[in-house]
Each structure stands twice: as C-alpha cells, then as structure tokens.
C-alpha cells in the first residue's frame, strides 16, 4: 500500500488583506489634516501703541456673604441672615445706583460668598440687586448704567 501524499498546509490571506484595507481606509477617513504652525500667515501690527488708561476707574461694590448668611457690603453688615427681602441692601444698592448713574464710571459688583454659605443667601443678594435695578429703571436711569456688571469671587 502506497503512503498517502501529504498536502501542504496553506493559509488563505484574502480575509487578512481585506481587514488591512478596511483599517487603512478607516484611518484615512478619520485622520485630521493639521496645518503646520509655520505655515500660518499672521500679519503683525506695524506700530504698537499701548492702550490708553481709562479716564475713570470703575467703582466697586464688594458684597460678602459669611458662612451663616450675614451679608456685608464694603465691610458694613446689612440685613439679618434670615431676612429674605433684604430691604437695607436694596436701599443701599438703589442709592449707589443713583449716585453712580450721574458719575463718569460704571459700577462693578463683586459678590464673594463663603464656601460654607447656603445658596439661598446668594440668591437673596441677587434678588435684591434685581429689585434695585427695577427701581433704577423706573427712575429713568439709562439701561447701560444699571448695576449689571457682576463678578463672583
């Protein structure tokens, strides 16, 4: 009996080539072409002059809220912490808004709540500021002079 002939093992490379082409197409499609920074053309200013300082520096109102909700404006305590309508703060902001509307500079209101203060105290301050702005608007103060520039620190 003759010995059976051994067939050579072969690997079909067609599926592997298909996968390689699919990966190549995927990477080509998802690749972003980024322009080199050296190729960017940016015109540089020819005569650089420093900006002129403003004629009038802005006025600041510093409102601080302590951990227990006590609101103080420029170091002076205002309403009680559990006072929701905050009439003293509203009256103070209304007076400052009337004075600052006649002045040359705008007013910046810096609100600094303590990290432990409840959010309702900050909301009460913002509500008081809204009331003061409504009253200033009724008095005919121009809209660009209302107390609207607010920063939180």
C-alpha atoms as a PDB file:
ATOM      1  CA  UNK A   1       0.000   0.000   0.000  1.00  0.00           C
ATOM      2  CA  UNK A   2       1.392   3.260  -1.037  1.00  0.00           C
ATOM      3  CA  UNK A   3       1.911   6.029   1.527  1.00  0.00           C
ATOM      4  CA  UNK A   4      -0.697   8.793   1.393  1.00  0.00           C
ATOM      5  CA  UNK A   5       0.523  12.029  -0.051  1.00  0.00           C
ATOM      6  CA  UNK A   6       0.779  14.837   2.432  1.00  0.00           C
ATOM      7  CA  UNK A   7      -0.800  18.056   1.328  1.00  0.00           C
ATOM      8  CA  UNK A   8       0.906  21.272   2.183  1.00  0.00           C
ATOM      9  CA  UNK A   9      -0.924  23.444   4.631  1.00  0.00           C
ATOM     10  CA  UNK A  10      -1.801  26.799   3.206  1.00  0.00           C
ATOM     11  CA  UNK A  11      -3.250  29.928   4.741  1.00  0.00           C
ATOM     12  CA  UNK A  12      -5.798  31.945   2.862  1.00  0.00           C
ATOM     13  CA  UNK A  13      -4.563  35.550   3.030  1.00  0.00           C
ATOM     14  CA  UNK A  14      -7.622  37.109   1.407  1.00  0.00           C
ATOM     15  CA  UNK A  15      -9.535  37.891   4.652  1.00  0.00           C
ATOM     16  CA  UNK A  16      -6.403  39.346   6.262  1.00  0.00           C
ATOM     17  CA  UNK A  17      -5.792  41.614   3.262  1.00  0.00           C
ATOM     18  CA  UNK A  18      -9.457  42.728   3.416  1.00  0.00           C
ATOM     19  CA  UNK A  19      -9.093  43.653   7.077  1.00  0.00           C
ATOM     20  CA  UNK A  20      -5.861  45.557   6.413  1.00  0.00           C
ATOM     21  CA  UNK A  21      -7.506  47.560   3.620  1.00  0.00           C
ATOM     22  CA  UNK A  22     -10.526  48.292   5.815  1.00  0.00           C
ATOM     23  CA  UNK A  23      -8.258  49.547   8.606  1.00  0.00           C
ATOM     24  CA  UNK A  24      -6.290  51.646   6.127  1.00  0.00           C
ATOM     25  CA  UNK A  25      -9.481  53.212   4.768  1.00  0.00           C
ATOM     26  CA  UNK A  26     -10.785  53.811   8.325  1.00  0.00           C
ATOM     27  CA  UNK A  27      -7.618  55.635   9.407  1.00  0.00           C
ATOM     28  CA  UNK A  28      -7.507  57.679   6.221  1.00  0.00           C
ATOM     29  CA  UNK A  29     -11.114  58.811   6.665  1.00  0.00           C
ATOM     30  CA  UNK A  30     -10.783  59.659  10.381  1.00  0.00           C
ATOM     31  CA  UNK A  31      -7.404  61.386  10.072  1.00  0.00           C
ATOM     32  CA  UNK A  32      -7.360  65.122  10.611  1.00  0.00           C
ATOM     33  CA  UNK A  33      -5.051  67.143   8.494  1.00  0.00           C
ATOM     34  CA  UNK A  34      -3.467  69.781  10.692  1.00  0.00           C
ATOM     35  CA  UNK A  35      -1.757  72.751   9.173  1.00  0.00           C
ATOM     36  CA  UNK A  36       1.712  73.348  10.488  1.00  0.00           C
ATOM     37  CA  UNK A  37       2.115  76.443  12.637  1.00  0.00           C
ATOM     38  CA  UNK A  38       4.974  77.604  10.484  1.00  0.00           C
ATOM     39  CA  UNK A  39       2.606  77.826   7.527  1.00  0.00           C
ATOM     40  CA  UNK A  40       0.180  80.198   9.245  1.00  0.00           C
ATOM     41  CA  UNK A  41       0.399  83.714   7.894  1.00  0.00           C
ATOM     42  CA  UNK A  42      -0.464  86.273  10.553  1.00  0.00           C
ATOM     43  CA  UNK A  43       0.018  89.958   9.870  1.00  0.00           C
ATOM     44  CA  UNK A  44       1.886  91.603  12.702  1.00  0.00           C
ATOM     45  CA  UNK A  45       0.951  95.112  13.778  1.00  0.00           C
ATOM     46  CA  UNK A  46       3.345  97.709  12.462  1.00  0.00           C
ATOM     47  CA  UNK A  47       3.003 100.420  15.089  1.00  0.00           C
ATOM     48  CA  UNK A  48       2.169  99.098  18.503  1.00  0.00           C
ATOM     49  CA  UNK A  49       0.882 101.739  20.877  1.00  0.00           C
ATOM     50  CA  UNK A  50      -0.095 100.852  24.411  1.00  0.00           C
ATOM     51  CA  UNK A  51      -3.786 101.233  25.146  1.00  0.00           C
ATOM     52  CA  UNK A  52      -4.725 104.412  26.898  1.00  0.00           C
ATOM     53  CA  UNK A  53      -5.745 104.008  30.509  1.00  0.00           C
ATOM     54  CA  UNK A  54      -9.415 104.652  31.140  1.00  0.00           C
ATOM     55  CA  UNK A  55     -10.286 108.167  32.183  1.00  0.00           C
ATOM     56  CA  UNK A  56     -12.287 106.982  35.146  1.00  0.00           C
ATOM     57  CA  UNK A  57     -11.720 103.770  37.042  1.00  0.00           C
ATOM     58  CA  UNK A  58     -14.839 101.715  37.707  1.00  0.00           C
ATOM     59  CA  UNK A  59     -16.451 101.904  41.113  1.00  0.00           C
ATOM     60  CA  UNK A  60     -16.586  98.661  43.091  1.00  0.00           C
ATOM     61  CA  UNK A  61     -19.249  97.416  45.466  1.00  0.00           C
ATOM     62  CA  UNK A  62     -17.920  94.443  47.442  1.00  0.00           C
ATOM     63  CA  UNK A  63     -20.651  92.183  48.832  1.00  0.00           C
ATOM     64  CA  UNK A  64     -19.512  89.388  51.135  1.00  0.00           C
ATOM     65  CA  UNK A  65     -21.633  86.538  52.484  1.00  0.00           C
ATOM     66  CA  UNK A  66     -20.297  84.748  55.569  1.00  0.00           C
ATOM     67  CA  UNK A  67     -20.940  81.057  56.380  1.00  0.00           C
ATOM     68  CA  UNK A  68     -24.006  81.943  58.460  1.00  0.00           C
ATOM     69  CA  UNK A  69     -25.607  84.086  55.753  1.00  0.00           C
ATOM     70  CA  UNK A  70     -24.711  87.515  57.128  1.00  0.00           C
ATOM     71  CA  UNK A  71     -24.347  89.910  54.185  1.00  0.00           C
ATOM     72  CA  UNK A  72     -21.919  92.788  54.456  1.00  0.00           C
ATOM     73  CA  UNK A  73     -21.305  95.483  51.867  1.00  0.00           C
ATOM     74  CA  UNK A  74     -17.871  97.112  51.853  1.00  0.00           C
ATOM     75  CA  UNK A  75     -17.344  95.786  55.384  1.00  0.00           C
ATOM     76  CA  UNK A  76     -20.673  97.017  56.830  1.00  0.00           C
ATOM     77  CA  UNK A  77     -23.217  94.371  57.860  1.00  0.00           C
ATOM     78  CA  UNK A  78     -26.614  94.684  56.254  1.00  0.00           C
ATOM     79  CA  UNK A  79     -29.862  92.785  56.869  1.00  0.00           C
ATOM     80  CA  UNK A  80     -30.293  89.805  59.170  1.00  0.00           C
ATOM     81  CA  UNK A  81     -29.242  86.474  57.641  1.00  0.00           C
ATOM     82  CA  UNK A  82     -32.783  85.087  57.642  1.00  0.00           C
ATOM     83  CA  UNK A  83     -34.228  88.259  56.044  1.00  0.00           C
ATOM     84  CA  UNK A  84     -35.372  87.218  52.595  1.00  0.00           C
ATOM     85  CA  UNK A  85     -36.286  90.581  51.045  1.00  0.00           C
ATOM     86  CA  UNK A  86     -33.122  92.376  52.290  1.00  0.00           C
ATOM     87  CA  UNK A  87     -34.540  95.942  52.386  1.00  0.00           C
ATOM     88  CA  UNK A  88     -31.317  97.540  53.681  1.00  0.00           C
ATOM     89  CA  UNK A  89     -29.225  96.023  50.893  1.00  0.00           C
ATOM     90  CA  UNK A  90     -31.806  97.002  48.275  1.00  0.00           C
ATOM     91  CA  UNK A  91     -31.889 100.597  49.571  1.00  0.00           C
ATOM     92  CA  UNK A  92     -28.079 100.761  49.625  1.00  0.00           C
ATOM     93  CA  UNK A  93     -27.815  99.447  46.052  1.00  0.00           C
ATOM     94  CA  UNK A  94     -30.509 101.886  44.939  1.00  0.00           C
ATOM     95  CA  UNK A  95     -28.618 104.844  46.460  1.00  0.00           C
ATOM     96  CA  UNK A  96     -25.336 103.718  44.918  1.00  0.00           C
ATOM     97  CA  UNK A  97     -27.014 103.143  41.574  1.00  0.00           C
ATOM     98  CA  UNK A  98     -28.448 106.673  41.595  1.00  0.00           C
ATOM     99  CA  UNK A  99     -25.067 108.179  42.521  1.00  0.00           C
ATOM    100  CA  UNK A 100     -23.145 106.080  40.001  1.00  0.00           C
ATOM    101  CA  UNK A 101     -25.608 106.872  37.188  1.00  0.00           C
ATOM    102  CA  UNK A 102     -24.523 110.503  37.402  1.00  0.00           C
ATOM    103  CA  UNK A 103     -20.842 109.623  37.708  1.00  0.00           C
ATOM    104  CA  UNK A 104     -18.449 109.043  34.830  1.00  0.00           C
ATOM    105  CA  UNK A 105     -17.557 105.413  35.582  1.00  0.00           C
ATOM    106  CA  UNK A 106     -19.593 102.227  35.685  1.00  0.00           C
ATOM    107  CA  UNK A 107     -20.046 100.161  38.823  1.00  0.00           C
ATOM    108  CA  UNK A 108     -18.754  96.620  39.251  1.00  0.00           C
ATOM    109  CA  UNK A 109     -20.434  94.476  41.890  1.00  0.00           C
ATOM    110  CA  UNK A 110     -18.169  91.822  43.401  1.00  0.00           C
ATOM    111  CA  UNK A 111     -20.113  89.098  45.226  1.00  0.00           C
ATOM    112  CA  UNK A 112     -17.964  86.876  47.418  1.00  0.00           C
ATOM    113  CA  UNK A 113     -19.911  84.096  49.138  1.00  0.00           C
ATOM    114  CA  UNK A 114     -18.124  81.949  51.687  1.00  0.00           C
ATOM    115  CA  UNK A 115     -17.701  78.327  50.660  1.00  0.00           C
ATOM    116  CA  UNK A 116     -19.933  77.215  53.534  1.00  0.00           C
ATOM    117  CA  UNK A 117     -22.690  79.776  52.857  1.00  0.00           C
ATOM    118  CA  UNK A 118     -26.017  78.449  51.609  1.00  0.00           C
ATOM    119  CA  UNK A 119     -27.002  79.261  48.045  1.00  0.00           C
ATOM    120  CA  UNK A 120     -30.231  80.875  49.197  1.00  0.00           C
ATOM    121  CA  UNK A 121     -28.245  83.770  50.685  1.00  0.00           C
ATOM    122  CA  UNK A 122     -26.543  84.419  47.344  1.00  0.00           C
ATOM    123  CA  UNK A 123     -29.922  84.231  45.603  1.00  0.00           C
ATOM    124  CA  UNK A 124     -31.322  86.751  48.112  1.00  0.00           C
ATOM    125  CA  UNK A 125     -28.483  89.147  47.236  1.00  0.00           C
ATOM    126  CA  UNK A 126     -29.174  88.711  43.510  1.00  0.00           C
ATOM    127  CA  UNK A 127     -32.906  89.279  44.102  1.00  0.00           C
ATOM    128  CA  UNK A 128     -32.102  92.474  45.999  1.00  0.00           C
ATOM    129  CA  UNK A 129     -29.920  93.619  43.118  1.00  0.00           C
ATOM    130  CA  UNK A 130     -32.766  92.894  40.684  1.00  0.00           C
ATOM    131  CA  UNK A 131     -35.177  94.967  42.798  1.00  0.00           C
ATOM    132  CA  UNK A 132     -32.730  97.869  42.871  1.00  0.00           C
ATOM    133  CA  UNK A 133     -32.288  97.697  39.080  1.00  0.00           C
ATOM    134  CA  UNK A 134     -36.054  97.708  38.554  1.00  0.00           C
ATOM    135  CA  UNK A 135     -36.381 100.824  40.695  1.00  0.00           C
ATOM    136  CA  UNK A 136     -33.495 102.496  38.858  1.00  0.00           C
ATOM    137  CA  UNK A 137     -35.173 101.641  35.555  1.00  0.00           C
ATOM    138  CA  UNK A 138     -38.419 103.224  36.779  1.00  0.00           C
ATOM    139  CA  UNK A 139     -36.463 106.356  37.706  1.00  0.00           C
ATOM    140  CA  UNK A 140     -35.273 106.665  34.109  1.00  0.00           C
ATOM    141  CA  UNK A 141     -31.654 105.622  34.585  1.00  0.00           C
ATOM    142  CA  UNK A 142     -30.241 104.544  31.179  1.00  0.00           C
ATOM    143  CA  UNK A 143     -30.064 100.781  30.764  1.00  0.00           C
ATOM    144  CA  UNK A 144     -26.304 100.821  30.221  1.00  0.00           C
ATOM    145  CA  UNK A 145     -25.866 102.495  33.628  1.00  0.00           C
ATOM    146  CA  UNK A 146     -27.809  99.911  35.629  1.00  0.00           C
ATOM    147  CA  UNK A 147     -25.980  97.696  38.126  1.00  0.00           C
ATOM    148  CA  UNK A 148     -25.408  94.799  35.735  1.00  0.00           C
ATOM    149  CA  UNK A 149     -21.679  94.138  35.819  1.00  0.00           C
ATOM    150  CA  UNK A 150     -21.450  91.384  38.435  1.00  0.00           C
ATOM    151  CA  UNK A 151     -18.491  89.167  39.282  1.00  0.00           C
ATOM    152  CA  UNK A 152     -18.387  86.193  41.640  1.00  0.00           C
ATOM    153  CA  UNK A 153     -15.193  85.503  43.520  1.00  0.00           C
END
